[in-house]
Amino acid sequence: MNVLWWLGLAVLALPVLWHRQRRQRIRQEPLATARFLPRADPQQLRVWRWTERLLLLVRCLLLVAVIAWLADLVLPWRRDAVLILAGTDTVWAERQIKQAGLYDASWIAVPADDPFGWLARHDREWRPDSRLLVLGNVPMPAMPPRSRHRIEVRSKAPPFASTEQRVVIVSQRAGRWRAMFAALDGPRRYKIDEVPDGTAYGAPELVIWDVPQAPPASLRAPLWWAGDQAAFPELKKAAQADGIRYADSARGRVWASGAWPPAGPDAARRLFESWQRLHYAPVPYTMPSQLIAPASSATPFQASGALRYLLTLILLGLFAVERILAHASRR
């Protein structure tokens, strides 16, 4: 649709016609000897001539720049490039670039969450014979990426970092709750604490409140597990999903269930899986390394190209010059 704006080049005839018109006004003055001449109606001859040529040139350039801005002018100027996702290991990336023979290509940092979306928005900027190399922890897209260029993907999944999360347990059945976390194995460790103080030991990730007394107002946590629902009045009209009642409060999100604490390994496993699935955002799957062949039928996005910002600056400059010249012509 943006290409149709080029049909607006026909408006360049308007300033040309305007500037070629005769601007001089006819001024008539009576002469003393005119009374002896026969009466005749005055005749005016319209003469076409070029006037204020510099102002005409600036106005034509201004119209061309406006049409180019509306048509989203993009000139394929990029050659071979390496797209490096944010957070990629530099040593590993340089080794992959040398192996691909693209060490002299341009290196471009792209967003780590959606590199193919960024590439689709800038696909028109690359020349037809350009090669593209994507490096990093590339997330698997929902649909296979389509581009008019050859794309090589070399992915590297990040290692699982060992993390520690603080869990506060306030319950008369703390032993049963501790047994659930003691059975968990993996890079994520859980530090169990029975002191409900969120300032001295850092803010907890989870608070298990299994007593009828209300928790202190200073204690905050992203998630609460309420073993005794009497301490949380907001659970009276709470919604339910997967057998768990949930509600938002000033302290954080509160979960509650009548089957807590878990009675066995299966119940503990289901609770842990619900915790990871419902509370945390899903971790994207790393796309395997592969070579994506170019697709001639791929339609690039009509997004703002690299020249959009430059054209905006040119428009502002031409508009300022046109106003200055137009003001000077009236003097």
C-alpha atoms as a PDB file:
ATOM      1  CA  MET A   1       0.000   0.000   0.000  1.00  0.00           C
ATOM      2  CA  ASN A   2       2.888   2.378   0.722  1.00  0.00           C
ATOM      3  CA  VAL A   3       4.140   2.030  -2.846  1.00  0.00           C
ATOM      4  CA  LEU A   4       1.022   3.787  -4.140  1.00  0.00           C
ATOM      5  CA  TRP A   5       2.261   6.990  -2.563  1.00  0.00           C
ATOM      6  CA  TRP A   6       4.744   7.306  -5.456  1.00  0.00           C
ATOM      7  CA  LEU A   7       1.772   8.190  -7.653  1.00  0.00           C
ATOM      8  CA  GLY A   8       1.732  11.465  -5.781  1.00  0.00           C
ATOM      9  CA  LEU A   9       4.742  12.656  -7.778  1.00  0.00           C
ATOM     10  CA  ALA A  10       2.198  14.169 -10.157  1.00  0.00           C
ATOM     11  CA  VAL A  11       1.682  16.981  -7.640  1.00  0.00           C
ATOM     12  CA  LEU A  12       5.093  18.337  -8.660  1.00  0.00           C
ATOM     13  CA  ALA A  13       3.282  20.066 -11.522  1.00  0.00           C
ATOM     14  CA  LEU A  14       1.527  22.381  -9.041  1.00  0.00           C
ATOM     15  CA  PRO A  15       4.562  24.415  -7.922  1.00  0.00           C
ATOM     16  CA  VAL A  16       5.844  24.465 -11.524  1.00  0.00           C
ATOM     17  CA  LEU A  17       2.567  25.978 -12.776  1.00  0.00           C
ATOM     18  CA  TRP A  18       2.466  28.374  -9.862  1.00  0.00           C
ATOM     19  CA  HIS A  19       5.971  29.677 -10.420  1.00  0.00           C
ATOM     20  CA  ARG A  20       5.570  30.067 -14.166  1.00  0.00           C
ATOM     21  CA  GLN A  21       2.584  32.351 -13.863  1.00  0.00           C
ATOM     22  CA  ARG A  22       3.019  36.021 -14.454  1.00  0.00           C
ATOM     23  CA  ARG A  23       3.376  37.779 -11.114  1.00  0.00           C
ATOM     24  CA  GLN A  24       3.669  41.419 -12.373  1.00  0.00           C
ATOM     25  CA  ARG A  25       0.501  43.460 -11.956  1.00  0.00           C
ATOM     26  CA  ILE A  26      -0.684  45.830 -14.708  1.00  0.00           C
ATOM     27  CA  ARG A  27      -0.767  49.417 -13.477  1.00  0.00           C
ATOM     28  CA  GLN A  28      -2.649  51.965 -15.601  1.00  0.00           C
ATOM     29  CA  GLU A  29      -1.987  55.715 -15.458  1.00  0.00           C
ATOM     30  CA  PRO A  30      -3.965  58.397 -17.422  1.00  0.00           C
ATOM     31  CA  LEU A  31      -1.991  60.418 -19.987  1.00  0.00           C
ATOM     32  CA  ALA A  32      -2.822  63.945 -21.049  1.00  0.00           C
ATOM     33  CA  THR A  33      -2.624  63.125 -24.760  1.00  0.00           C
ATOM     34  CA  ALA A  34      -4.784  60.019 -24.398  1.00  0.00           C
ATOM     35  CA  ARG A  35      -7.999  62.050 -24.940  1.00  0.00           C
ATOM     36  CA  PHE A  36      -7.073  62.610 -28.613  1.00  0.00           C
ATOM     37  CA  LEU A  37      -6.731  58.844 -29.227  1.00  0.00           C
ATOM     38  CA  PRO A  38      -9.616  56.595 -30.168  1.00  0.00           C
ATOM     39  CA  ARG A  39     -11.045  54.509 -27.344  1.00  0.00           C
ATOM     40  CA  ALA A  40      -9.866  50.882 -27.215  1.00  0.00           C
ATOM     41  CA  ASP A  41     -10.230  48.156 -24.617  1.00  0.00           C
ATOM     42  CA  PRO A  42      -6.948  47.216 -22.910  1.00  0.00           C
ATOM     43  CA  GLN A  43      -5.477  43.863 -23.866  1.00  0.00           C
ATOM     44  CA  GLN A  44      -3.202  41.858 -21.561  1.00  0.00           C
ATOM     45  CA  LEU A  45      -0.828  39.182 -22.687  1.00  0.00           C
ATOM     46  CA  ARG A  46       0.070  36.444 -20.163  1.00  0.00           C
ATOM     47  CA  VAL A  47       3.763  35.638 -20.450  1.00  0.00           C
ATOM     48  CA  TRP A  48       5.143  32.324 -19.116  1.00  0.00           C
ATOM     49  CA  ARG A  49       8.481  32.751 -17.435  1.00  0.00           C
ATOM     50  CA  TRP A  50      10.581  31.115 -14.734  1.00  0.00           C
ATOM     51  CA  THR A  51      10.741  33.104 -11.512  1.00  0.00           C
ATOM     52  CA  GLU A  52      12.432  32.369  -8.192  1.00  0.00           C
ATOM     53  CA  ARG A  53      14.087  29.210  -9.443  1.00  0.00           C
ATOM     54  CA  LEU A  54      15.797  28.369  -6.147  1.00  0.00           C
ATOM     55  CA  LEU A  55      12.476  28.547  -4.269  1.00  0.00           C
ATOM     56  CA  LEU A  56      10.870  26.364  -6.946  1.00  0.00           C
ATOM     57  CA  LEU A  57      13.634  23.767  -6.588  1.00  0.00           C
ATOM     58  CA  VAL A  58      13.296  23.663  -2.798  1.00  0.00           C
ATOM     59  CA  ARG A  59       9.519  23.215  -2.966  1.00  0.00           C
ATOM     60  CA  CYS A  60       9.822  20.391  -5.480  1.00  0.00           C
ATOM     61  CA  LEU A  61      12.405  18.662  -3.301  1.00  0.00           C
ATOM     62  CA  LEU A  62      10.131  19.113  -0.298  1.00  0.00           C
ATOM     63  CA  LEU A  63       7.256  17.380  -2.096  1.00  0.00           C
ATOM     64  CA  VAL A  64       9.539  14.540  -3.230  1.00  0.00           C
ATOM     65  CA  ALA A  65      10.794  14.057   0.340  1.00  0.00           C
ATOM     66  CA  VAL A  66       7.228  13.952   1.705  1.00  0.00           C
ATOM     67  CA  ILE A  67       6.193  11.326  -0.854  1.00  0.00           C
ATOM     68  CA  ALA A  68       9.334   9.265  -0.160  1.00  0.00           C
ATOM     69  CA  TRP A  69       8.582   9.417   3.577  1.00  0.00           C
ATOM     70  CA  LEU A  70       4.984   8.264   3.032  1.00  0.00           C
ATOM     71  CA  ALA A  71       6.080   5.501   0.652  1.00  0.00           C
ATOM     72  CA  ASP A  72       8.651   4.314   3.234  1.00  0.00           C
ATOM     73  CA  LEU A  73      11.617   4.434   0.919  1.00  0.00           C
ATOM     74  CA  VAL A  74      14.099   1.634   1.592  1.00  0.00           C
ATOM     75  CA  LEU A  75      17.275   1.085  -0.402  1.00  0.00           C
ATOM     76  CA  PRO A  76      18.994  -2.321  -0.058  1.00  0.00           C
ATOM     77  CA  TRP A  77      22.374  -1.290   1.268  1.00  0.00           C
ATOM     78  CA  ARG A  78      23.369  -3.934   3.826  1.00  0.00           C
ATOM     79  CA  ARG A  79      25.767  -6.726   2.893  1.00  0.00           C
ATOM     80  CA  ASP A  80      26.619  -9.875   4.870  1.00  0.00           C
ATOM     81  CA  ALA A  81      25.773  -9.468   8.555  1.00  0.00           C
ATOM     82  CA  VAL A  82      26.004 -11.308  11.851  1.00  0.00           C
ATOM     83  CA  LEU A  83      23.039 -10.893  14.215  1.00  0.00           C
ATOM     84  CA  ILE A  84      24.172 -11.407  17.803  1.00  0.00           C
ATOM     85  CA  LEU A  85      21.512 -11.793  20.473  1.00  0.00           C
ATOM     86  CA  ALA A  86      21.904  -9.842  23.694  1.00  0.00           C
ATOM     87  CA  GLY A  87      23.696 -11.826  26.386  1.00  0.00           C
ATOM     88  CA  THR A  88      25.621 -14.078  23.989  1.00  0.00           C
ATOM     89  CA  ASP A  89      29.084 -15.266  25.021  1.00  0.00           C
ATOM     90  CA  THR A  90      31.577 -13.091  23.128  1.00  0.00           C
ATOM     91  CA  VAL A  91      34.316 -15.724  22.863  1.00  0.00           C
ATOM     92  CA  TRP A  92      31.902 -18.333  21.535  1.00  0.00           C
ATOM     93  CA  ALA A  93      30.385 -15.829  19.088  1.00  0.00           C
ATOM     94  CA  GLU A  94      33.777 -14.852  17.625  1.00  0.00           C
ATOM     95  CA  ARG A  95      34.682 -18.511  17.159  1.00  0.00           C
ATOM     96  CA  GLN A  96      31.416 -19.184  15.305  1.00  0.00           C
ATOM     97  CA  ILE A  97      31.902 -16.120  13.098  1.00  0.00           C
ATOM     98  CA  LYS A  98      35.374 -17.259  12.071  1.00  0.00           C
ATOM     99  CA  GLN A  99      34.102 -20.752  11.279  1.00  0.00           C
ATOM    100  CA  ALA A 100      31.330 -19.288   9.089  1.00  0.00           C
ATOM    101  CA  GLY A 101      33.800 -17.053   7.228  1.00  0.00           C
ATOM    102  CA  LEU A 102      31.895 -13.868   8.126  1.00  0.00           C
ATOM    103  CA  TYR A 103      34.482 -12.144  10.301  1.00  0.00           C
ATOM    104  CA  ASP A 104      34.538  -9.139   7.941  1.00  0.00           C
ATOM    105  CA  ALA A 105      30.744  -8.838   7.946  1.00  0.00           C
ATOM    106  CA  SER A 106      28.920  -6.258  10.009  1.00  0.00           C
ATOM    107  CA  TRP A 107      28.009  -7.260  13.566  1.00  0.00           C
ATOM    108  CA  ILE A 108      24.552  -6.180  14.728  1.00  0.00           C
ATOM    109  CA  ALA A 109      23.119  -6.560  18.239  1.00  0.00           C
ATOM    110  CA  VAL A 110      19.467  -7.674  18.122  1.00  0.00           C
ATOM    111  CA  PRO A 111      16.856  -8.266  20.870  1.00  0.00           C
ATOM    112  CA  ALA A 112      17.120 -11.665  22.492  1.00  0.00           C
ATOM    113  CA  ASP A 113      13.364 -12.226  22.812  1.00  0.00           C
ATOM    114  CA  ASP A 114      12.404 -11.933  19.108  1.00  0.00           C
ATOM    115  CA  PRO A 115      15.383 -11.813  16.699  1.00  0.00           C
ATOM    116  CA  PHE A 116      13.379 -13.027  13.685  1.00  0.00           C
ATOM    117  CA  GLY A 117      10.755 -10.344  14.259  1.00  0.00           C
ATOM    118  CA  TRP A 118      13.490  -7.716  14.169  1.00  0.00           C
ATOM    119  CA  LEU A 119      14.913  -9.301  11.029  1.00  0.00           C
ATOM    120  CA  ALA A 120      11.506  -9.310   9.312  1.00  0.00           C
ATOM    121  CA  ARG A 121      11.091  -5.580   9.987  1.00  0.00           C
ATOM    122  CA  HIS A 122      14.501  -4.824   8.418  1.00  0.00           C
ATOM    123  CA  ASP A 123      14.510  -7.509   5.730  1.00  0.00           C
ATOM    124  CA  ARG A 124      14.259  -4.996   2.872  1.00  0.00           C
ATOM    125  CA  GLU A 125      17.535  -3.349   3.896  1.00  0.00           C
ATOM    126  CA  TRP A 126      19.695  -6.307   2.830  1.00  0.00           C
ATOM    127  CA  ARG A 127      20.861  -6.957  -0.700  1.00  0.00           C
ATOM    128  CA  PRO A 128      19.552 -10.091  -2.456  1.00  0.00           C
ATOM    129  CA  ASP A 129      22.906 -11.912  -2.219  1.00  0.00           C
ATOM    130  CA  SER A 130      23.523 -11.109   1.470  1.00  0.00           C
ATOM    131  CA  ARG A 131      24.182 -13.873   3.995  1.00  0.00           C
ATOM    132  CA  LEU A 132      22.896 -13.672   7.544  1.00  0.00           C
ATOM    133  CA  LEU A 133      24.218 -15.463  10.610  1.00  0.00           C
ATOM    134  CA  VAL A 134      22.184 -15.530  13.852  1.00  0.00           C
ATOM    135  CA  LEU A 135      24.099 -16.362  17.046  1.00  0.00           C
ATOM    136  CA  GLY A 136      23.024 -16.849  20.649  1.00  0.00           C
ATOM    137  CA  ASN A 137      20.251 -18.454  22.630  1.00  0.00           C
ATOM    138  CA  VAL A 138      17.725 -18.210  19.787  1.00  0.00           C
ATOM    139  CA  PRO A 139      14.151 -18.837  21.007  1.00  0.00           C
ATOM    140  CA  MET A 140      12.066 -21.214  18.924  1.00  0.00           C
ATOM    141  CA  PRO A 141       9.495 -19.190  16.916  1.00  0.00           C
ATOM    142  CA  ALA A 142       5.900 -20.297  16.614  1.00  0.00           C
ATOM    143  CA  MET A 143       6.183 -20.436  12.809  1.00  0.00           C
ATOM    144  CA  PRO A 144       9.234 -21.147  10.637  1.00  0.00           C
ATOM    145  CA  PRO A 145      10.870 -17.834   9.719  1.00  0.00           C
ATOM    146  CA  ARG A 146      10.609 -16.825   6.069  1.00  0.00           C
ATOM    147  CA  SER A 147      13.054 -14.457   4.449  1.00  0.00           C
ATOM    148  CA  ARG A 148      14.373 -13.614   1.006  1.00  0.00           C
ATOM    149  CA  HIS A 149      17.907 -14.201   2.272  1.00  0.00           C
ATOM    150  CA  ARG A 150      19.906 -17.188   3.407  1.00  0.00           C
ATOM    151  CA  ILE A 151      19.894 -17.416   7.213  1.00  0.00           C
ATOM    152  CA  GLU A 152      22.186 -19.636   9.244  1.00  0.00           C
ATOM    153  CA  VAL A 153      21.230 -20.151  12.877  1.00  0.00           C
ATOM    154  CA  ARG A 154      23.803 -21.269  15.429  1.00  0.00           C
ATOM    155  CA  SER A 155      22.244 -21.593  18.850  1.00  0.00           C
ATOM    156  CA  LYS A 156      23.796 -22.126  22.226  1.00  0.00           C
ATOM    157  CA  ALA A 157      21.584 -22.852  25.201  1.00  0.00           C
ATOM    158  CA  PRO A 158      22.725 -21.114  28.393  1.00  0.00           C
ATOM    159  CA  PRO A 159      23.921 -23.341  31.226  1.00  0.00           C
ATOM    160  CA  PHE A 160      21.596 -23.854  34.120  1.00  0.00           C
ATOM    161  CA  ALA A 161      22.698 -21.406  36.776  1.00  0.00           C
ATOM    162  CA  SER A 162      22.404 -22.458  40.377  1.00  0.00           C
ATOM    163  CA  THR A 163      20.015 -20.097  42.152  1.00  0.00           C
ATOM    164  CA  GLU A 164      18.722 -19.896  45.699  1.00  0.00           C
ATOM    165  CA  GLN A 165      15.230 -18.794  46.675  1.00  0.00           C
ATOM    166  CA  ARG A 166      14.036 -18.019  50.182  1.00  0.00           C
ATOM    167  CA  VAL A 167      10.889 -19.710  51.429  1.00  0.00           C
ATOM    168  CA  VAL A 168       9.265 -18.719  54.717  1.00  0.00           C
ATOM    169  CA  ILE A 169       7.207 -21.391  56.477  1.00  0.00           C
ATOM    170  CA  VAL A 170       4.968 -20.346  59.369  1.00  0.00           C
ATOM    171  CA  SER A 171       3.042 -23.469  60.345  1.00  0.00           C
ATOM    172  CA  GLN A 172       2.515 -25.979  63.115  1.00  0.00           C
ATOM    173  CA  ARG A 173       3.017 -28.606  60.432  1.00  0.00           C
ATOM    174  CA  ALA A 174       6.338 -27.225  59.202  1.00  0.00           C
ATOM    175  CA  GLY A 175       7.879 -30.704  59.024  1.00  0.00           C
ATOM    176  CA  ARG A 176       5.477 -31.822  56.303  1.00  0.00           C
ATOM    177  CA  TRP A 177       6.132 -28.671  54.300  1.00  0.00           C
ATOM    178  CA  ARG A 178       9.898 -29.066  54.679  1.00  0.00           C
ATOM    179  CA  ALA A 179       9.692 -32.607  53.372  1.00  0.00           C
ATOM    180  CA  MET A 180       8.346 -31.323  50.073  1.00  0.00           C
ATOM    181  CA  PHE A 181      11.272 -28.952  49.483  1.00  0.00           C
ATOM    182  CA  ALA A 182      13.832 -31.487  50.716  1.00  0.00           C
ATOM    183  CA  ALA A 183      12.765 -33.859  47.926  1.00  0.00           C
ATOM    184  CA  LEU A 184      13.386 -31.276  45.176  1.00  0.00           C
ATOM    185  CA  ASP A 185      16.583 -31.723  43.205  1.00  0.00           C
ATOM    186  CA  GLY A 186      17.986 -29.405  40.548  1.00  0.00           C
ATOM    187  CA  PRO A 187      19.932 -26.195  40.020  1.00  0.00           C
ATOM    188  CA  ARG A 188      17.390 -24.201  42.023  1.00  0.00           C
ATOM    189  CA  ARG A 189      17.882 -24.393  45.754  1.00  0.00           C
ATOM    190  CA  TYR A 190      15.373 -23.376  48.409  1.00  0.00           C
ATOM    191  CA  LYS A 191      16.388 -21.816  51.693  1.00  0.00           C
ATOM    192  CA  ILE A 192      13.759 -22.574  54.317  1.00  0.00           C
ATOM    193  CA  ASP A 193      13.241 -19.978  57.034  1.00  0.00           C
ATOM    194  CA  GLU A 194      10.710 -19.823  59.832  1.00  0.00           C
ATOM    195  CA  VAL A 195      11.288 -16.153  60.700  1.00  0.00           C
ATOM    196  CA  PRO A 196       8.622 -13.986  58.997  1.00  0.00           C
ATOM    197  CA  ASP A 197      10.925 -11.014  58.478  1.00  0.00           C
ATOM    198  CA  GLY A 198      11.290  -9.732  54.949  1.00  0.00           C
ATOM    199  CA  THR A 199      13.865  -7.052  55.707  1.00  0.00           C
ATOM    200  CA  ALA A 200      16.586  -8.751  57.711  1.00  0.00           C
ATOM    201  CA  TYR A 201      16.999 -11.789  55.424  1.00  0.00           C
ATOM    202  CA  GLY A 202      15.796 -10.440  52.091  1.00  0.00           C
ATOM    203  CA  ALA A 203      12.367 -10.639  50.532  1.00  0.00           C
ATOM    204  CA  PRO A 204      11.115 -14.240  50.276  1.00  0.00           C
ATOM    205  CA  GLU A 205       9.962 -15.771  47.030  1.00  0.00           C
ATOM    206  CA  LEU A 206       7.221 -17.794  48.744  1.00  0.00           C
ATOM    207  CA  VAL A 207       5.495 -17.570  52.098  1.00  0.00           C
ATOM    208  CA  ILE A 208       3.607 -20.588  53.453  1.00  0.00           C
ATOM    209  CA  TRP A 209       1.214 -19.241  56.098  1.00  0.00           C
ATOM    210  CA  ASP A 210      -0.491 -22.134  57.857  1.00  0.00           C
ATOM    211  CA  VAL A 211      -1.735 -20.466  61.065  1.00  0.00           C
ATOM    212  CA  PRO A 212      -5.038 -18.674  61.745  1.00  0.00           C
ATOM    213  CA  GLN A 213      -3.341 -15.423  62.834  1.00  0.00           C
ATOM    214  CA  ALA A 214      -3.008 -12.674  60.240  1.00  0.00           C
ATOM    215  CA  PRO A 215       0.497 -12.127  58.874  1.00  0.00           C
ATOM    216  CA  PRO A 216       2.372  -8.913  59.701  1.00  0.00           C
ATOM    217  CA  ALA A 217       1.729  -5.982  57.405  1.00  0.00           C
ATOM    218  CA  SER A 218       5.449  -5.524  56.699  1.00  0.00           C
ATOM    219  CA  LEU A 219       5.838  -8.991  55.172  1.00  0.00           C
ATOM    220  CA  ARG A 220       5.614  -9.032  51.376  1.00  0.00           C
ATOM    221  CA  ALA A 221       6.083 -11.849  48.869  1.00  0.00           C
ATOM    222  CA  PRO A 222       5.096 -12.511  45.252  1.00  0.00           C
ATOM    223  CA  LEU A 223       3.216 -15.670  46.275  1.00  0.00           C
ATOM    224  CA  TRP A 224       1.510 -16.929  49.445  1.00  0.00           C
ATOM    225  CA  TRP A 225       0.253 -20.420  50.236  1.00  0.00           C
ATOM    226  CA  ALA A 226      -2.518 -20.209  52.811  1.00  0.00           C
ATOM    227  CA  GLY A 227      -2.935 -23.410  54.795  1.00  0.00           C
ATOM    228  CA  ASP A 228      -5.509 -21.692  57.026  1.00  0.00           C
ATOM    229  CA  GLN A 229      -7.840 -19.466  55.003  1.00  0.00           C
ATOM    230  CA  ALA A 230      -9.056 -17.594  58.085  1.00  0.00           C
ATOM    231  CA  ALA A 231      -5.973 -15.359  57.921  1.00  0.00           C
ATOM    232  CA  PHE A 232      -6.879 -14.064  54.449  1.00  0.00           C
ATOM    233  CA  PRO A 233     -10.375 -12.536  54.131  1.00  0.00           C
ATOM    234  CA  GLU A 234      -9.864 -11.940  50.374  1.00  0.00           C
ATOM    235  CA  LEU A 235     -10.163 -15.714  49.786  1.00  0.00           C
ATOM    236  CA  LYS A 236     -13.908 -15.726  50.585  1.00  0.00           C
ATOM    237  CA  LYS A 237     -14.831 -14.789  46.996  1.00  0.00           C
ATOM    238  CA  ALA A 238     -11.692 -16.120  45.313  1.00  0.00           C
ATOM    239  CA  ALA A 239     -11.692 -17.766  41.901  1.00  0.00           C
ATOM    240  CA  GLN A 240     -10.563 -21.356  41.438  1.00  0.00           C
ATOM    241  CA  ALA A 241      -8.276 -23.091  38.909  1.00  0.00           C
ATOM    242  CA  ASP A 242      -6.779 -26.590  39.024  1.00  0.00           C
ATOM    243  CA  GLY A 243      -8.231 -27.128  42.498  1.00  0.00           C
ATOM    244  CA  ILE A 244      -6.509 -24.014  43.873  1.00  0.00           C
ATOM    245  CA  ARG A 245      -8.297 -20.873  44.998  1.00  0.00           C
ATOM    246  CA  TYR A 246      -6.407 -17.669  44.247  1.00  0.00           C
ATOM    247  CA  ALA A 247      -6.806 -13.969  44.973  1.00  0.00           C
ATOM    248  CA  ASP A 248      -4.658 -10.850  44.875  1.00  0.00           C
ATOM    249  CA  SER A 249      -3.988  -8.888  48.041  1.00  0.00           C
ATOM    250  CA  ALA A 250      -1.799  -6.044  49.206  1.00  0.00           C
ATOM    251  CA  ARG A 251       0.799  -8.564  50.382  1.00  0.00           C
ATOM    252  CA  GLY A 252       0.914 -10.503  47.091  1.00  0.00           C
ATOM    253  CA  ARG A 253      -1.007 -13.245  45.320  1.00  0.00           C
ATOM    254  CA  VAL A 254      -2.556 -15.800  47.666  1.00  0.00           C
ATOM    255  CA  TRP A 255      -3.208 -19.478  46.900  1.00  0.00           C
ATOM    256  CA  ALA A 256      -5.278 -21.772  49.068  1.00  0.00           C
ATOM    257  CA  SER A 257      -6.408 -25.389  49.015  1.00  0.00           C
ATOM    258  CA  GLY A 258      -8.066 -27.699  51.503  1.00  0.00           C
ATOM    259  CA  ALA A 259      -5.660 -30.523  50.619  1.00  0.00           C
ATOM    260  CA  TRP A 260      -2.556 -28.795  51.983  1.00  0.00           C
ATOM    261  CA  PRO A 261       0.028 -29.680  53.089  1.00  0.00           C
ATOM    262  CA  PRO A 262       0.560 -32.436  50.487  1.00  0.00           C
ATOM    263  CA  ALA A 263      -0.087 -35.896  51.901  1.00  0.00           C
ATOM    264  CA  GLY A 264       2.256 -37.808  49.586  1.00  0.00           C
ATOM    265  CA  PRO A 265       4.858 -37.593  46.823  1.00  0.00           C
ATOM    266  CA  ASP A 266       2.258 -37.408  44.038  1.00  0.00           C
ATOM    267  CA  ALA A 267       0.391 -34.526  45.674  1.00  0.00           C
ATOM    268  CA  ALA A 268       3.669 -32.701  46.352  1.00  0.00           C
ATOM    269  CA  ARG A 269       4.726 -33.181  42.730  1.00  0.00           C
ATOM    270  CA  ARG A 270       1.411 -31.808  41.428  1.00  0.00           C
ATOM    271  CA  LEU A 271       1.672 -28.769  43.714  1.00  0.00           C
ATOM    272  CA  PHE A 272       5.230 -28.071  42.615  1.00  0.00           C
ATOM    273  CA  GLU A 273       4.315 -28.400  38.927  1.00  0.00           C
ATOM    274  CA  SER A 274       1.346 -26.049  39.377  1.00  0.00           C
ATOM    275  CA  TRP A 275       3.650 -23.570  41.107  1.00  0.00           C
ATOM    276  CA  GLN A 276       6.170 -23.571  38.267  1.00  0.00           C
ATOM    277  CA  ARG A 277       3.540 -23.584  35.518  1.00  0.00           C
ATOM    278  CA  LEU A 278       1.102 -20.977  36.836  1.00  0.00           C
ATOM    279  CA  HIS A 279       3.329 -18.564  38.709  1.00  0.00           C
ATOM    280  CA  TYR A 280       6.419 -18.295  36.499  1.00  0.00           C
ATOM    281  CA  ALA A 281       6.627 -17.330  32.851  1.00  0.00           C
ATOM    282  CA  PRO A 282       7.443 -20.236  30.538  1.00  0.00           C
ATOM    283  CA  VAL A 283      11.073 -20.570  29.513  1.00  0.00           C
ATOM    284  CA  PRO A 284      11.385 -20.432  25.702  1.00  0.00           C
ATOM    285  CA  TYR A 285      12.767 -23.487  23.948  1.00  0.00           C
ATOM    286  CA  THR A 286      16.148 -22.974  22.295  1.00  0.00           C
ATOM    287  CA  MET A 287      15.977 -23.272  18.518  1.00  0.00           C
ATOM    288  CA  PRO A 288      18.347 -25.937  17.166  1.00  0.00           C
ATOM    289  CA  SER A 289      21.147 -24.844  14.843  1.00  0.00           C
ATOM    290  CA  GLN A 290      20.035 -25.033  11.233  1.00  0.00           C
ATOM    291  CA  LEU A 291      20.242 -23.439   7.816  1.00  0.00           C
ATOM    292  CA  ILE A 292      17.136 -21.620   6.563  1.00  0.00           C
ATOM    293  CA  ALA A 293      16.941 -21.443   2.780  1.00  0.00           C
ATOM    294  CA  PRO A 294      15.725 -18.215   1.171  1.00  0.00           C
ATOM    295  CA  ALA A 295      12.088 -18.049   0.092  1.00  0.00           C
ATOM    296  CA  SER A 296      11.419 -15.976  -2.997  1.00  0.00           C
ATOM    297  CA  SER A 297       7.729 -15.704  -2.114  1.00  0.00           C
ATOM    298  CA  ALA A 298       8.399 -14.184   1.306  1.00  0.00           C
ATOM    299  CA  THR A 299       6.710 -10.815   1.676  1.00  0.00           C
ATOM    300  CA  PRO A 300       8.683  -8.357   3.817  1.00  0.00           C
ATOM    301  CA  PHE A 301       6.927  -6.299   6.441  1.00  0.00           C
ATOM    302  CA  GLN A 302       6.025  -2.741   5.502  1.00  0.00           C
ATOM    303  CA  ALA A 303       7.921  -1.348   8.460  1.00  0.00           C
ATOM    304  CA  SER A 304       9.941   1.815   8.788  1.00  0.00           C
ATOM    305  CA  GLY A 305      13.252   1.414   7.042  1.00  0.00           C
ATOM    306  CA  ALA A 306      16.629   2.855   7.956  1.00  0.00           C
ATOM    307  CA  LEU A 307      15.988   5.914   5.750  1.00  0.00           C
ATOM    308  CA  ARG A 308      12.839   6.946   7.631  1.00  0.00           C
ATOM    309  CA  TYR A 309      14.776   8.860  10.280  1.00  0.00           C
ATOM    310  CA  LEU A 310      17.054  10.446   7.671  1.00  0.00           C
ATOM    311  CA  LEU A 311      14.078  11.530   5.566  1.00  0.00           C
ATOM    312  CA  THR A 312      12.509  13.149   8.616  1.00  0.00           C
ATOM    313  CA  LEU A 313      15.605  15.277   9.145  1.00  0.00           C
ATOM    314  CA  ILE A 314      15.662  16.188   5.449  1.00  0.00           C
ATOM    315  CA  LEU A 315      12.004  17.233   5.609  1.00  0.00           C
ATOM    316  CA  LEU A 316      12.656  19.533   8.555  1.00  0.00           C
ATOM    317  CA  GLY A 317      15.639  21.100   6.807  1.00  0.00           C
ATOM    318  CA  LEU A 318      13.827  21.642   3.515  1.00  0.00           C
ATOM    319  CA  PHE A 319      10.812  23.118   5.263  1.00  0.00           C
ATOM    320  CA  ALA A 320      13.009  25.621   7.104  1.00  0.00           C
ATOM    321  CA  VAL A 321      14.819  26.633   3.881  1.00  0.00           C
ATOM    322  CA  GLU A 322      11.524  26.964   2.001  1.00  0.00           C
ATOM    323  CA  ARG A 323      10.098  29.282   4.654  1.00  0.00           C
ATOM    324  CA  ILE A 324      13.230  31.443   4.604  1.00  0.00           C
ATOM    325  CA  LEU A 325      13.232  31.747   0.806  1.00  0.00           C
ATOM    326  CA  ALA A 326       9.489  32.451   0.690  1.00  0.00           C
ATOM    327  CA  HIS A 327       9.873  35.220   3.258  1.00  0.00           C
ATOM    328  CA  ALA A 328      12.816  36.717   1.360  1.00  0.00           C
ATOM    329  CA  SER A 329      10.876  36.710  -1.944  1.00  0.00           C
ATOM    330  CA  ARG A 330       8.198  38.976  -0.454  1.00  0.00           C
ATOM    331  CA  ARG A 331      10.750  41.695   0.293  1.00  0.00           C
END
